[in-house]
Amino acid sequence: MALTKDFRETVQARVRGDEEFRHGLLRDAIDALLAGEGALGREILRDFINATVGFPTLAEQTGIHAKTLHQMFGPKGNPTASNLFKIIACLQEHEGVRLQVMA
């Protein structure tokens, strides 16, 4: 089920104004990816990127073309592990957080 524009705008407004929510959203995206929920993880990351750093800035910081980034996080996206980890590292740096995987 696709999210409505109003819902996306509501989430993005909350991401911009609530640091705890923003960090939780990034954590949820990573958790989804690690749980094998690739489509969900990419969708959450797309919304997170749009609400925070933005695709043009992320492209500059990662050296990955903005159009390629948009494709990676689209419904049929399939980012390589190398690109995905580069993006996650950039997002962590932007947020000033360091996420850890714990068994």
PDB file of N, CA and C in Angstrom:
ATOM      1  N   MET A   1       0.843  -1.171   0.000  1.00  0.00           N
ATOM      2  CA  MET A   1       0.000   0.000   0.000  1.00  0.00           C
ATOM      3  C   MET A   1       0.891   1.238   0.000  1.00  0.00           C
ATOM      4  N   ALA A   2       0.680   2.109  -0.938  1.00  0.00           N
ATOM      5  CA  ALA A   2       1.464   3.332  -1.049  1.00  0.00           C
ATOM      6  C   ALA A   2       1.000   4.346  -0.007  1.00  0.00           C
ATOM      7  N   LEU A   3       1.943   5.098   0.496  1.00  0.00           N
ATOM      8  CA  LEU A   3       1.608   6.129   1.458  1.00  0.00           C
ATOM      9  C   LEU A   3       1.110   7.365   0.733  1.00  0.00           C
ATOM     10  N   THR A   4       0.174   8.061   1.331  1.00  0.00           N
ATOM     11  CA  THR A   4      -0.345   9.273   0.721  1.00  0.00           C
ATOM     12  C   THR A   4       0.651  10.405   0.899  1.00  0.00           C
ATOM     13  N   LYS A   5       0.498  11.410   0.065  1.00  0.00           N
ATOM     14  CA  LYS A   5       1.376  12.572   0.139  1.00  0.00           C
ATOM     15  C   LYS A   5       1.234  13.255   1.498  1.00  0.00           C
ATOM     16  N   ASP A   6       0.010  13.370   2.002  1.00  0.00           N
ATOM     17  CA  ASP A   6      -0.207  14.013   3.300  1.00  0.00           C
ATOM     18  C   ASP A   6       0.525  13.267   4.411  1.00  0.00           C
ATOM     19  N   PHE A   7       0.478  11.931   4.369  1.00  0.00           N
ATOM     20  CA  PHE A   7       1.156  11.148   5.399  1.00  0.00           C
ATOM     21  C   PHE A   7       2.660  11.366   5.318  1.00  0.00           C
ATOM     22  N   ARG A   8       3.216  11.327   4.120  1.00  0.00           N
ATOM     23  CA  ARG A   8       4.654  11.553   3.950  1.00  0.00           C
ATOM     24  C   ARG A   8       5.050  12.934   4.464  1.00  0.00           C
ATOM     25  N   GLU A   9       4.248  13.933   4.154  1.00  0.00           N
ATOM     26  CA  GLU A   9       4.547  15.291   4.623  1.00  0.00           C
ATOM     27  C   GLU A   9       4.485  15.374   6.141  1.00  0.00           C
ATOM     28  N   THR A  10       3.531  14.665   6.751  1.00  0.00           N
ATOM     29  CA  THR A  10       3.422  14.639   8.209  1.00  0.00           C
ATOM     30  C   THR A  10       4.652  13.999   8.827  1.00  0.00           C
ATOM     31  N   VAL A  11       5.075  12.868   8.265  1.00  0.00           N
ATOM     32  CA  VAL A  11       6.272  12.180   8.781  1.00  0.00           C
ATOM     33  C   VAL A  11       7.492  13.079   8.610  1.00  0.00           C
ATOM     34  N   GLN A  12       7.642  13.696   7.450  1.00  0.00           N
ATOM     35  CA  GLN A  12       8.803  14.542   7.216  1.00  0.00           C
ATOM     36  C   GLN A  12       8.829  15.738   8.159  1.00  0.00           C
ATOM     37  N   ALA A  13       7.673  16.315   8.445  1.00  0.00           N
ATOM     38  CA  ALA A  13       7.622  17.434   9.391  1.00  0.00           C
ATOM     39  C   ALA A  13       8.056  16.973  10.779  1.00  0.00           C
ATOM     40  N   ARG A  14       7.618  15.790  11.167  1.00  0.00           N
ATOM     41  CA  ARG A  14       8.005  15.280  12.487  1.00  0.00           C
ATOM     42  C   ARG A  14       9.495  14.963  12.526  1.00  0.00           C
ATOM     43  N   VAL A  15      10.024  14.401  11.452  1.00  0.00           N
ATOM     44  CA  VAL A  15      11.457  14.088  11.382  1.00  0.00           C
ATOM     45  C   VAL A  15      12.267  15.361  11.565  1.00  0.00           C
ATOM     46  N   ARG A  16      11.843  16.442  10.920  1.00  0.00           N
ATOM     47  CA  ARG A  16      12.591  17.698  11.003  1.00  0.00           C
ATOM     48  C   ARG A  16      12.554  18.309  12.404  1.00  0.00           C
ATOM     49  N   GLY A  17      11.470  18.072  13.137  1.00  0.00           N
ATOM     50  CA  GLY A  17      11.316  18.737  14.416  1.00  0.00           C
ATOM     51  C   GLY A  17      11.554  17.889  15.650  1.00  0.00           C
ATOM     52  N   ASP A  18      11.782  16.590  15.486  1.00  0.00           N
ATOM     53  CA  ASP A  18      11.886  15.694  16.642  1.00  0.00           C
ATOM     54  C   ASP A  18      13.093  14.778  16.466  1.00  0.00           C
ATOM     55  N   GLU A  19      14.181  15.132  17.138  1.00  0.00           N
ATOM     56  CA  GLU A  19      15.435  14.390  16.988  1.00  0.00           C
ATOM     57  C   GLU A  19      15.281  12.920  17.386  1.00  0.00           C
ATOM     58  N   GLU A  20      14.579  12.650  18.474  1.00  0.00           N
ATOM     59  CA  GLU A  20      14.400  11.272  18.928  1.00  0.00           C
ATOM     60  C   GLU A  20      13.642  10.444  17.883  1.00  0.00           C
ATOM     61  N   PHE A  21      12.606  11.029  17.312  1.00  0.00           N
ATOM     62  CA  PHE A  21      11.843  10.355  16.257  1.00  0.00           C
ATOM     63  C   PHE A  21      12.730  10.122  15.038  1.00  0.00           C
ATOM     64  N   ARG A  22      13.526  11.138  14.674  1.00  0.00           N
ATOM     65  CA  ARG A  22      14.414  11.047  13.507  1.00  0.00           C
ATOM     66  C   ARG A  22      15.417   9.910  13.676  1.00  0.00           C
ATOM     67  N   HIS A  23      16.038   9.828  14.833  1.00  0.00           N
ATOM     68  CA  HIS A  23      17.011   8.765  15.077  1.00  0.00           C
ATOM     69  C   HIS A  23      16.328   7.405  15.123  1.00  0.00           C
ATOM     70  N   GLY A  24      15.127   7.350  15.673  1.00  0.00           N
ATOM     71  CA  GLY A  24      14.361   6.102  15.699  1.00  0.00           C
ATOM     72  C   GLY A  24      13.995   5.639  14.303  1.00  0.00           C
ATOM     73  N   LEU A  25      13.674   6.588  13.433  1.00  0.00           N
ATOM     74  CA  LEU A  25      13.336   6.238  12.058  1.00  0.00           C
ATOM     75  C   LEU A  25      14.545   5.646  11.331  1.00  0.00           C
ATOM     76  N   LEU A  26      15.710   6.232  11.540  1.00  0.00           N
ATOM     77  CA  LEU A  26      16.927   5.685  10.935  1.00  0.00           C
ATOM     78  C   LEU A  26      17.187   4.281  11.471  1.00  0.00           C
ATOM     79  N   ARG A  27      17.036   4.102  12.766  1.00  0.00           N
ATOM     80  CA  ARG A  27      17.218   2.783  13.380  1.00  0.00           C
ATOM     81  C   ARG A  27      16.207   1.777  12.814  1.00  0.00           C
ATOM     82  N   ASP A  28      14.953   2.196  12.650  1.00  0.00           N
ATOM     83  CA  ASP A  28      13.929   1.307  12.092  1.00  0.00           C
ATOM     84  C   ASP A  28      14.256   0.895  10.662  1.00  0.00           C
ATOM     85  N   ALA A  29      14.802   1.820   9.884  1.00  0.00           N
ATOM     86  CA  ALA A  29      15.179   1.495   8.508  1.00  0.00           C
ATOM     87  C   ALA A  29      16.262   0.428   8.483  1.00  0.00           C
ATOM     88  N   ILE A  30      17.268   0.589   9.328  1.00  0.00           N
ATOM     89  CA  ILE A  30      18.366  -0.378   9.388  1.00  0.00           C
ATOM     90  C   ILE A  30      17.852  -1.721   9.895  1.00  0.00           C
ATOM     91  N   ASP A  31      16.995  -1.694  10.919  1.00  0.00           N
ATOM     92  CA  ASP A  31      16.404  -2.930  11.442  1.00  0.00           C
ATOM     93  C   ASP A  31      15.630  -3.668  10.350  1.00  0.00           C
ATOM     94  N   ALA A  32      14.871  -2.929   9.548  1.00  0.00           N
ATOM     95  CA  ALA A  32      14.094  -3.550   8.466  1.00  0.00           C
ATOM     96  C   ALA A  32      15.032  -4.205   7.455  1.00  0.00           C
ATOM     97  N   LEU A  33      16.100  -3.519   7.081  1.00  0.00           N
ATOM     98  CA  LEU A  33      17.061  -4.087   6.129  1.00  0.00           C
ATOM     99  C   LEU A  33      17.689  -5.359   6.684  1.00  0.00           C
ATOM    100  N   LEU A  34      18.079  -5.321   7.958  1.00  0.00           N
ATOM    101  CA  LEU A  34      18.710  -6.487   8.578  1.00  0.00           C
ATOM    102  C   LEU A  34      17.738  -7.660   8.728  1.00  0.00           C
ATOM    103  N   ALA A  35      16.453  -7.369   8.813  1.00  0.00           N
ATOM    104  CA  ALA A  35      15.433  -8.415   8.950  1.00  0.00           C
ATOM    105  C   ALA A  35      14.997  -8.964   7.595  1.00  0.00           C
ATOM    106  N   GLY A  36      15.636  -8.502   6.522  1.00  0.00           N
ATOM    107  CA  GLY A  36      15.288  -8.989   5.195  1.00  0.00           C
ATOM    108  C   GLY A  36      14.122  -8.266   4.557  1.00  0.00           C
ATOM    109  N   GLU A  37      13.701  -7.175   5.169  1.00  0.00           N
ATOM    110  CA  GLU A  37      12.594  -6.369   4.641  1.00  0.00           C
ATOM    111  C   GLU A  37      13.173  -5.233   3.805  1.00  0.00           C
ATOM    112  N   GLY A  38      13.787  -5.598   2.685  1.00  0.00           N
ATOM    113  CA  GLY A  38      14.493  -4.620   1.864  1.00  0.00           C
ATOM    114  C   GLY A  38      13.631  -3.491   1.364  1.00  0.00           C
ATOM    115  N   ALA A  39      12.445  -3.804   0.853  1.00  0.00           N
ATOM    116  CA  ALA A  39      11.569  -2.760   0.309  1.00  0.00           C
ATOM    117  C   ALA A  39      11.167  -1.771   1.398  1.00  0.00           C
ATOM    118  N   LEU A  40      10.824  -2.279   2.567  1.00  0.00           N
ATOM    119  CA  LEU A  40      10.435  -1.405   3.674  1.00  0.00           C
ATOM    120  C   LEU A  40      11.621  -0.562   4.133  1.00  0.00           C
ATOM    121  N   GLY A  41      12.777  -1.175   4.289  1.00  0.00           N
ATOM    122  CA  GLY A  41      13.964  -0.439   4.708  1.00  0.00           C
ATOM    123  C   GLY A  41      14.320   0.666   3.732  1.00  0.00           C
ATOM    124  N   ARG A  42      14.259   0.377   2.437  1.00  0.00           N
ATOM    125  CA  ARG A  42      14.563   1.395   1.419  1.00  0.00           C
ATOM    126  C   ARG A  42      13.539   2.522   1.456  1.00  0.00           C
ATOM    127  N   GLU A  43      12.275   2.184   1.647  1.00  0.00           N
ATOM    128  CA  GLU A  43      11.227   3.207   1.687  1.00  0.00           C
ATOM    129  C   GLU A  43      11.413   4.138   2.888  1.00  0.00           C
ATOM    130  N   ILE A  44      11.726   3.553   4.040  1.00  0.00           N
ATOM    131  CA  ILE A  44      11.954   4.373   5.230  1.00  0.00           C
ATOM    132  C   ILE A  44      13.187   5.257   5.024  1.00  0.00           C
ATOM    133  N   LEU A  45      14.250   4.689   4.463  1.00  0.00           N
ATOM    134  CA  LEU A  45      15.455   5.485   4.211  1.00  0.00           C
ATOM    135  C   LEU A  45      15.177   6.615   3.231  1.00  0.00           C
ATOM    136  N   ARG A  46      14.382   6.344   2.202  1.00  0.00           N
ATOM    137  CA  ARG A  46      14.029   7.391   1.223  1.00  0.00           C
ATOM    138  C   ARG A  46      13.336   8.552   1.933  1.00  0.00           C
ATOM    139  N   ASP A  47      12.354   8.237   2.778  1.00  0.00           N
ATOM    140  CA  ASP A  47      11.652   9.293   3.507  1.00  0.00           C
ATOM    141  C   ASP A  47      12.602  10.030   4.447  1.00  0.00           C
ATOM    142  N   PHE A  48      13.485   9.282   5.103  1.00  0.00           N
ATOM    143  CA  PHE A  48      14.465   9.878   6.006  1.00  0.00           C
ATOM    144  C   PHE A  48      15.386  10.834   5.252  1.00  0.00           C
ATOM    145  N   ILE A  49      15.894  10.399   4.116  1.00  0.00           N
ATOM    146  CA  ILE A  49      16.796  11.225   3.306  1.00  0.00           C
ATOM    147  C   ILE A  49      16.087  12.491   2.852  1.00  0.00           C
ATOM    148  N   ASN A  50      14.862  12.343   2.349  1.00  0.00           N
ATOM    149  CA  ASN A  50      14.096  13.506   1.896  1.00  0.00           C
ATOM    150  C   ASN A  50      13.877  14.513   3.016  1.00  0.00           C
ATOM    151  N   ALA A  51      13.679  14.039   4.224  1.00  0.00           N
ATOM    152  CA  ALA A  51      13.376  14.926   5.349  1.00  0.00           C
ATOM    153  C   ALA A  51      14.619  15.498   6.024  1.00  0.00           C
ATOM    154  N   THR A  52      15.779  14.951   5.725  1.00  0.00           N
ATOM    155  CA  THR A  52      16.985  15.409   6.420  1.00  0.00           C
ATOM    156  C   THR A  52      17.995  15.976   5.434  1.00  0.00           C
ATOM    157  N   VAL A  53      18.947  15.184   5.044  1.00  0.00           N
ATOM    158  CA  VAL A  53      20.073  15.658   4.241  1.00  0.00           C
ATOM    159  C   VAL A  53      19.662  16.001   2.804  1.00  0.00           C
ATOM    160  N   GLY A  54      18.708  15.285   2.245  1.00  0.00           N
ATOM    161  CA  GLY A  54      18.285  15.506   0.855  1.00  0.00           C
ATOM    162  C   GLY A  54      19.163  14.742  -0.127  1.00  0.00           C
ATOM    163  N   PHE A  55      18.571  14.359  -1.241  1.00  0.00           N
ATOM    164  CA  PHE A  55      19.298  13.565  -2.231  1.00  0.00           C
ATOM    165  C   PHE A  55      20.448  14.317  -2.892  1.00  0.00           C
ATOM    166  N   PRO A  56      20.307  15.604  -3.225  1.00  0.00           N
ATOM    167  CA  PRO A  56      21.451  16.296  -3.848  1.00  0.00           C
ATOM    168  C   PRO A  56      22.684  16.349  -2.937  1.00  0.00           C
ATOM    169  N   THR A  57      22.483  16.644  -1.666  1.00  0.00           N
ATOM    170  CA  THR A  57      23.605  16.698  -0.728  1.00  0.00           C
ATOM    171  C   THR A  57      24.185  15.311  -0.493  1.00  0.00           C
ATOM    172  N   LEU A  58      23.305  14.315  -0.362  1.00  0.00           N
ATOM    173  CA  LEU A  58      23.776  12.938  -0.186  1.00  0.00           C
ATOM    174  C   LEU A  58      24.604  12.505  -1.393  1.00  0.00           C
ATOM    175  N   ALA A  59      24.194  12.906  -2.575  1.00  0.00           N
ATOM    176  CA  ALA A  59      24.945  12.581  -3.794  1.00  0.00           C
ATOM    177  C   ALA A  59      26.348  13.181  -3.731  1.00  0.00           C
ATOM    178  N   GLU A  60      26.441  14.431  -3.310  1.00  0.00           N
ATOM    179  CA  GLU A  60      27.749  15.081  -3.195  1.00  0.00           C
ATOM    180  C   GLU A  60      28.632  14.373  -2.176  1.00  0.00           C
ATOM    181  N   GLN A  61      28.047  14.012  -1.050  1.00  0.00           N
ATOM    182  CA  GLN A  61      28.826  13.429   0.040  1.00  0.00           C
ATOM    183  C   GLN A  61      29.245  11.990  -0.223  1.00  0.00           C
ATOM    184  N   THR A  62      28.458  11.256  -1.003  1.00  0.00           N
ATOM    185  CA  THR A  62      28.782   9.852  -1.259  1.00  0.00           C
ATOM    186  C   THR A  62      29.467   9.626  -2.600  1.00  0.00           C
ATOM    187  N   GLY A  63      29.368  10.601  -3.496  1.00  0.00           N
ATOM    188  CA  GLY A  63      29.907  10.419  -4.837  1.00  0.00           C
ATOM    189  C   GLY A  63      29.027   9.552  -5.720  1.00  0.00           C
ATOM    190  N   ILE A  64      27.773   9.364  -5.308  1.00  0.00           N
ATOM    191  CA  ILE A  64      26.802   8.591  -6.078  1.00  0.00           C
ATOM    192  C   ILE A  64      25.817   9.578  -6.680  1.00  0.00           C
ATOM    193  N   HIS A  65      25.613   9.516  -7.985  1.00  0.00           N
ATOM    194  CA  HIS A  65      24.730  10.458  -8.680  1.00  0.00           C
ATOM    195  C   HIS A  65      23.338  10.453  -8.046  1.00  0.00           C
ATOM    196  N   ALA A  66      22.721  11.630  -7.938  1.00  0.00           N
ATOM    197  CA  ALA A  66      21.400  11.768  -7.306  1.00  0.00           C
ATOM    198  C   ALA A  66      20.350  10.886  -7.975  1.00  0.00           C
ATOM    199  N   LYS A  67      20.382  10.798  -9.304  1.00  0.00           N
ATOM    200  CA  LYS A  67      19.401   9.957 -10.006  1.00  0.00           C
ATOM    201  C   LYS A  67      19.586   8.491  -9.618  1.00  0.00           C
ATOM    202  N   THR A  68      20.821   8.075  -9.485  1.00  0.00           N
ATOM    203  CA  THR A  68      21.107   6.704  -9.070  1.00  0.00           C
ATOM    204  C   THR A  68      20.593   6.458  -7.655  1.00  0.00           C
ATOM    205  N   LEU A  69      20.786   7.427  -6.769  1.00  0.00           N
ATOM    206  CA  LEU A  69      20.272   7.301  -5.405  1.00  0.00           C
ATOM    207  C   LEU A  69      18.749   7.150  -5.407  1.00  0.00           C
ATOM    208  N   HIS A  70      18.075   7.966  -6.200  1.00  0.00           N
ATOM    209  CA  HIS A  70      16.612   7.868  -6.290  1.00  0.00           C
ATOM    210  C   HIS A  70      16.191   6.481  -6.771  1.00  0.00           C
ATOM    211  N   GLN A  71      16.904   5.947  -7.745  1.00  0.00           N
ATOM    212  CA  GLN A  71      16.583   4.614  -8.259  1.00  0.00           C
ATOM    213  C   GLN A  71      16.830   3.549  -7.194  1.00  0.00           C
ATOM    214  N   MET A  72      17.909   3.675  -6.444  1.00  0.00           N
ATOM    215  CA  MET A  72      18.232   2.703  -5.398  1.00  0.00           C
ATOM    216  C   MET A  72      17.120   2.591  -4.363  1.00  0.00           C
ATOM    217  N   PHE A  73      16.491   3.720  -4.043  1.00  0.00           N
ATOM    218  CA  PHE A  73      15.491   3.739  -2.997  1.00  0.00           C
ATOM    219  C   PHE A  73      14.066   3.734  -3.541  1.00  0.00           C
ATOM    220  N   GLY A  74      13.947   3.471  -4.831  1.00  0.00           N
ATOM    221  CA  GLY A  74      12.630   3.327  -5.436  1.00  0.00           C
ATOM    222  C   GLY A  74      12.074   1.928  -5.191  1.00  0.00           C
ATOM    223  N   PRO A  75      10.842   1.677  -5.634  1.00  0.00           N
ATOM    224  CA  PRO A  75      10.176   0.390  -5.398  1.00  0.00           C
ATOM    225  C   PRO A  75      10.948  -0.816  -5.937  1.00  0.00           C
ATOM    226  N   LYS A  76      11.691  -0.624  -7.023  1.00  0.00           N
ATOM    227  CA  LYS A  76      12.442  -1.733  -7.611  1.00  0.00           C
ATOM    228  C   LYS A  76      13.942  -1.576  -7.383  1.00  0.00           C
ATOM    229  N   GLY A  77      14.299  -0.718  -6.444  1.00  0.00           N
ATOM    230  CA  GLY A  77      15.705  -0.444  -6.171  1.00  0.00           C
ATOM    231  C   GLY A  77      16.432  -1.661  -5.626  1.00  0.00           C
ATOM    232  N   ASN A  78      17.718  -1.707  -5.904  1.00  0.00           N
ATOM    233  CA  ASN A  78      18.535  -2.809  -5.435  1.00  0.00           C
ATOM    234  C   ASN A  78      19.973  -2.310  -5.246  1.00  0.00           C
ATOM    235  N   PRO A  79      20.190  -1.495  -4.189  1.00  0.00           N
ATOM    236  CA  PRO A  79      21.529  -0.953  -3.989  1.00  0.00           C
ATOM    237  C   PRO A  79      22.531  -2.040  -3.630  1.00  0.00           C
ATOM    238  N   THR A  80      23.753  -1.850  -4.070  1.00  0.00           N
ATOM    239  CA  THR A  80      24.801  -2.787  -3.676  1.00  0.00           C
ATOM    240  C   THR A  80      25.089  -2.581  -2.191  1.00  0.00           C
ATOM    241  N   ALA A  81      25.653  -3.582  -1.567  1.00  0.00           N
ATOM    242  CA  ALA A  81      26.009  -3.473  -0.151  1.00  0.00           C
ATOM    243  C   ALA A  81      26.994  -2.331   0.054  1.00  0.00           C
ATOM    244  N   SER A  82      27.940  -2.199  -0.844  1.00  0.00           N
ATOM    245  CA  SER A  82      28.938  -1.137  -0.735  1.00  0.00           C
ATOM    246  C   SER A  82      28.281   0.235  -0.731  1.00  0.00           C
ATOM    247  N   ASN A  83      27.371   0.470  -1.679  1.00  0.00           N
ATOM    248  CA  ASN A  83      26.679   1.759  -1.740  1.00  0.00           C
ATOM    249  C   ASN A  83      25.781   1.970  -0.527  1.00  0.00           C
ATOM    250  N   LEU A  84      25.087   0.927  -0.126  1.00  0.00           N
ATOM    251  CA  LEU A  84      24.177   1.035   1.016  1.00  0.00           C
ATOM    252  C   LEU A  84      24.944   1.391   2.287  1.00  0.00           C
ATOM    253  N   PHE A  85      26.075   0.735   2.524  1.00  0.00           N
ATOM    254  CA  PHE A  85      26.862   1.037   3.721  1.00  0.00           C
ATOM    255  C   PHE A  85      27.474   2.433   3.652  1.00  0.00           C
ATOM    256  N   LYS A  86      27.858   2.871   2.456  1.00  0.00           N
ATOM    257  CA  LYS A  86      28.384   4.224   2.283  1.00  0.00           C
ATOM    258  C   LYS A  86      27.306   5.254   2.636  1.00  0.00           C
ATOM    259  N   ILE A  87      26.081   5.000   2.190  1.00  0.00           N
ATOM    260  CA  ILE A  87      24.960   5.896   2.460  1.00  0.00           C
ATOM    261  C   ILE A  87      24.632   5.914   3.957  1.00  0.00           C
ATOM    262  N   ILE A  88      24.578   4.738   4.566  1.00  0.00           N
ATOM    263  CA  ILE A  88      24.272   4.653   5.998  1.00  0.00           C
ATOM    264  C   ILE A  88      25.345   5.371   6.811  1.00  0.00           C
ATOM    265  N   ALA A  89      26.602   5.206   6.445  1.00  0.00           N
ATOM    266  CA  ALA A  89      27.686   5.899   7.148  1.00  0.00           C
ATOM    267  C   ALA A  89      27.513   7.411   7.036  1.00  0.00           C
ATOM    268  N   CYS A  90      27.159   7.872   5.862  1.00  0.00           N
ATOM    269  CA  CYS A  90      26.948   9.305   5.642  1.00  0.00           C
ATOM    270  C   CYS A  90      25.782   9.820   6.484  1.00  0.00           C
ATOM    271  N   LEU A  91      24.683   9.061   6.524  1.00  0.00           N
ATOM    272  CA  LEU A  91      23.514   9.471   7.304  1.00  0.00           C
ATOM    273  C   LEU A  91      23.830   9.493   8.793  1.00  0.00           C
ATOM    274  N   GLN A  92      24.590   8.515   9.260  1.00  0.00           N
ATOM    275  CA  GLN A  92      24.997   8.502  10.673  1.00  0.00           C
ATOM    276  C   GLN A  92      25.844   9.735  10.998  1.00  0.00           C
ATOM    277  N   GLU A  93      26.776  10.038  10.126  1.00  0.00           N
ATOM    278  CA  GLU A  93      27.627  11.205  10.344  1.00  0.00           C
ATOM    279  C   GLU A  93      26.796  12.483  10.362  1.00  0.00           C
ATOM    280  N   HIS A  94      25.869  12.593   9.438  1.00  0.00           N
ATOM    281  CA  HIS A  94      24.998  13.772   9.365  1.00  0.00           C
ATOM    282  C   HIS A  94      24.193  13.940  10.650  1.00  0.00           C
ATOM    283  N   GLU A  95      23.754  12.832  11.222  1.00  0.00           N
ATOM    284  CA  GLU A  95      22.935  12.868  12.431  1.00  0.00           C
ATOM    285  C   GLU A  95      23.756  12.888  13.716  1.00  0.00           C
ATOM    286  N   GLY A  96      25.043  12.600  13.609  1.00  0.00           N
ATOM    287  CA  GLY A  96      25.876  12.544  14.802  1.00  0.00           C
ATOM    288  C   GLY A  96      25.576  11.344  15.680  1.00  0.00           C
ATOM    289  N   VAL A  97      25.188  10.238  15.031  1.00  0.00           N
ATOM    290  CA  VAL A  97      24.909   9.010  15.765  1.00  0.00           C
ATOM    291  C   VAL A  97      25.771   7.889  15.206  1.00  0.00           C
ATOM    292  N   ARG A  98      25.911   6.826  15.996  1.00  0.00           N
ATOM    293  CA  ARG A  98      26.615   5.628  15.541  1.00  0.00           C
ATOM    294  C   ARG A  98      25.759   4.445  15.940  1.00  0.00           C
ATOM    295  N   LEU A  99      25.123   3.828  14.958  1.00  0.00           N
ATOM    296  CA  LEU A  99      24.288   2.659  15.217  1.00  0.00           C
ATOM    297  C   LEU A  99      25.163   1.432  15.293  1.00  0.00           C
ATOM    298  N   GLN A 100      24.764   0.475  16.168  1.00  0.00           N
ATOM    299  CA  GLN A 100      25.515  -0.763  16.330  1.00  0.00           C
ATOM    300  C   GLN A 100      24.569  -1.945  16.190  1.00  0.00           C
ATOM    301  N   VAL A 101      25.074  -3.005  15.609  1.00  0.00           N
ATOM    302  CA  VAL A 101      24.331  -4.251  15.513  1.00  0.00           C
ATOM    303  C   VAL A 101      24.733  -5.119  16.695  1.00  0.00           C
ATOM    304  N   MET A 102      23.729  -5.585  17.426  1.00  0.00           N
ATOM    305  CA  MET A 102      24.000  -6.433  18.589  1.00  0.00           C
ATOM    306  C   MET A 102      23.254  -7.735  18.440  1.00  0.00           C
ATOM    307  N   ALA A 103      23.930  -8.841  18.762  1.00  0.00           N
ATOM    308  CA  ALA A 103      23.302 -10.150  18.688  1.00  0.00           C
ATOM    309  C   ALA A 103      22.518 -10.416  19.970  1.00  0.00           C
TER     310      ALA A 103
END
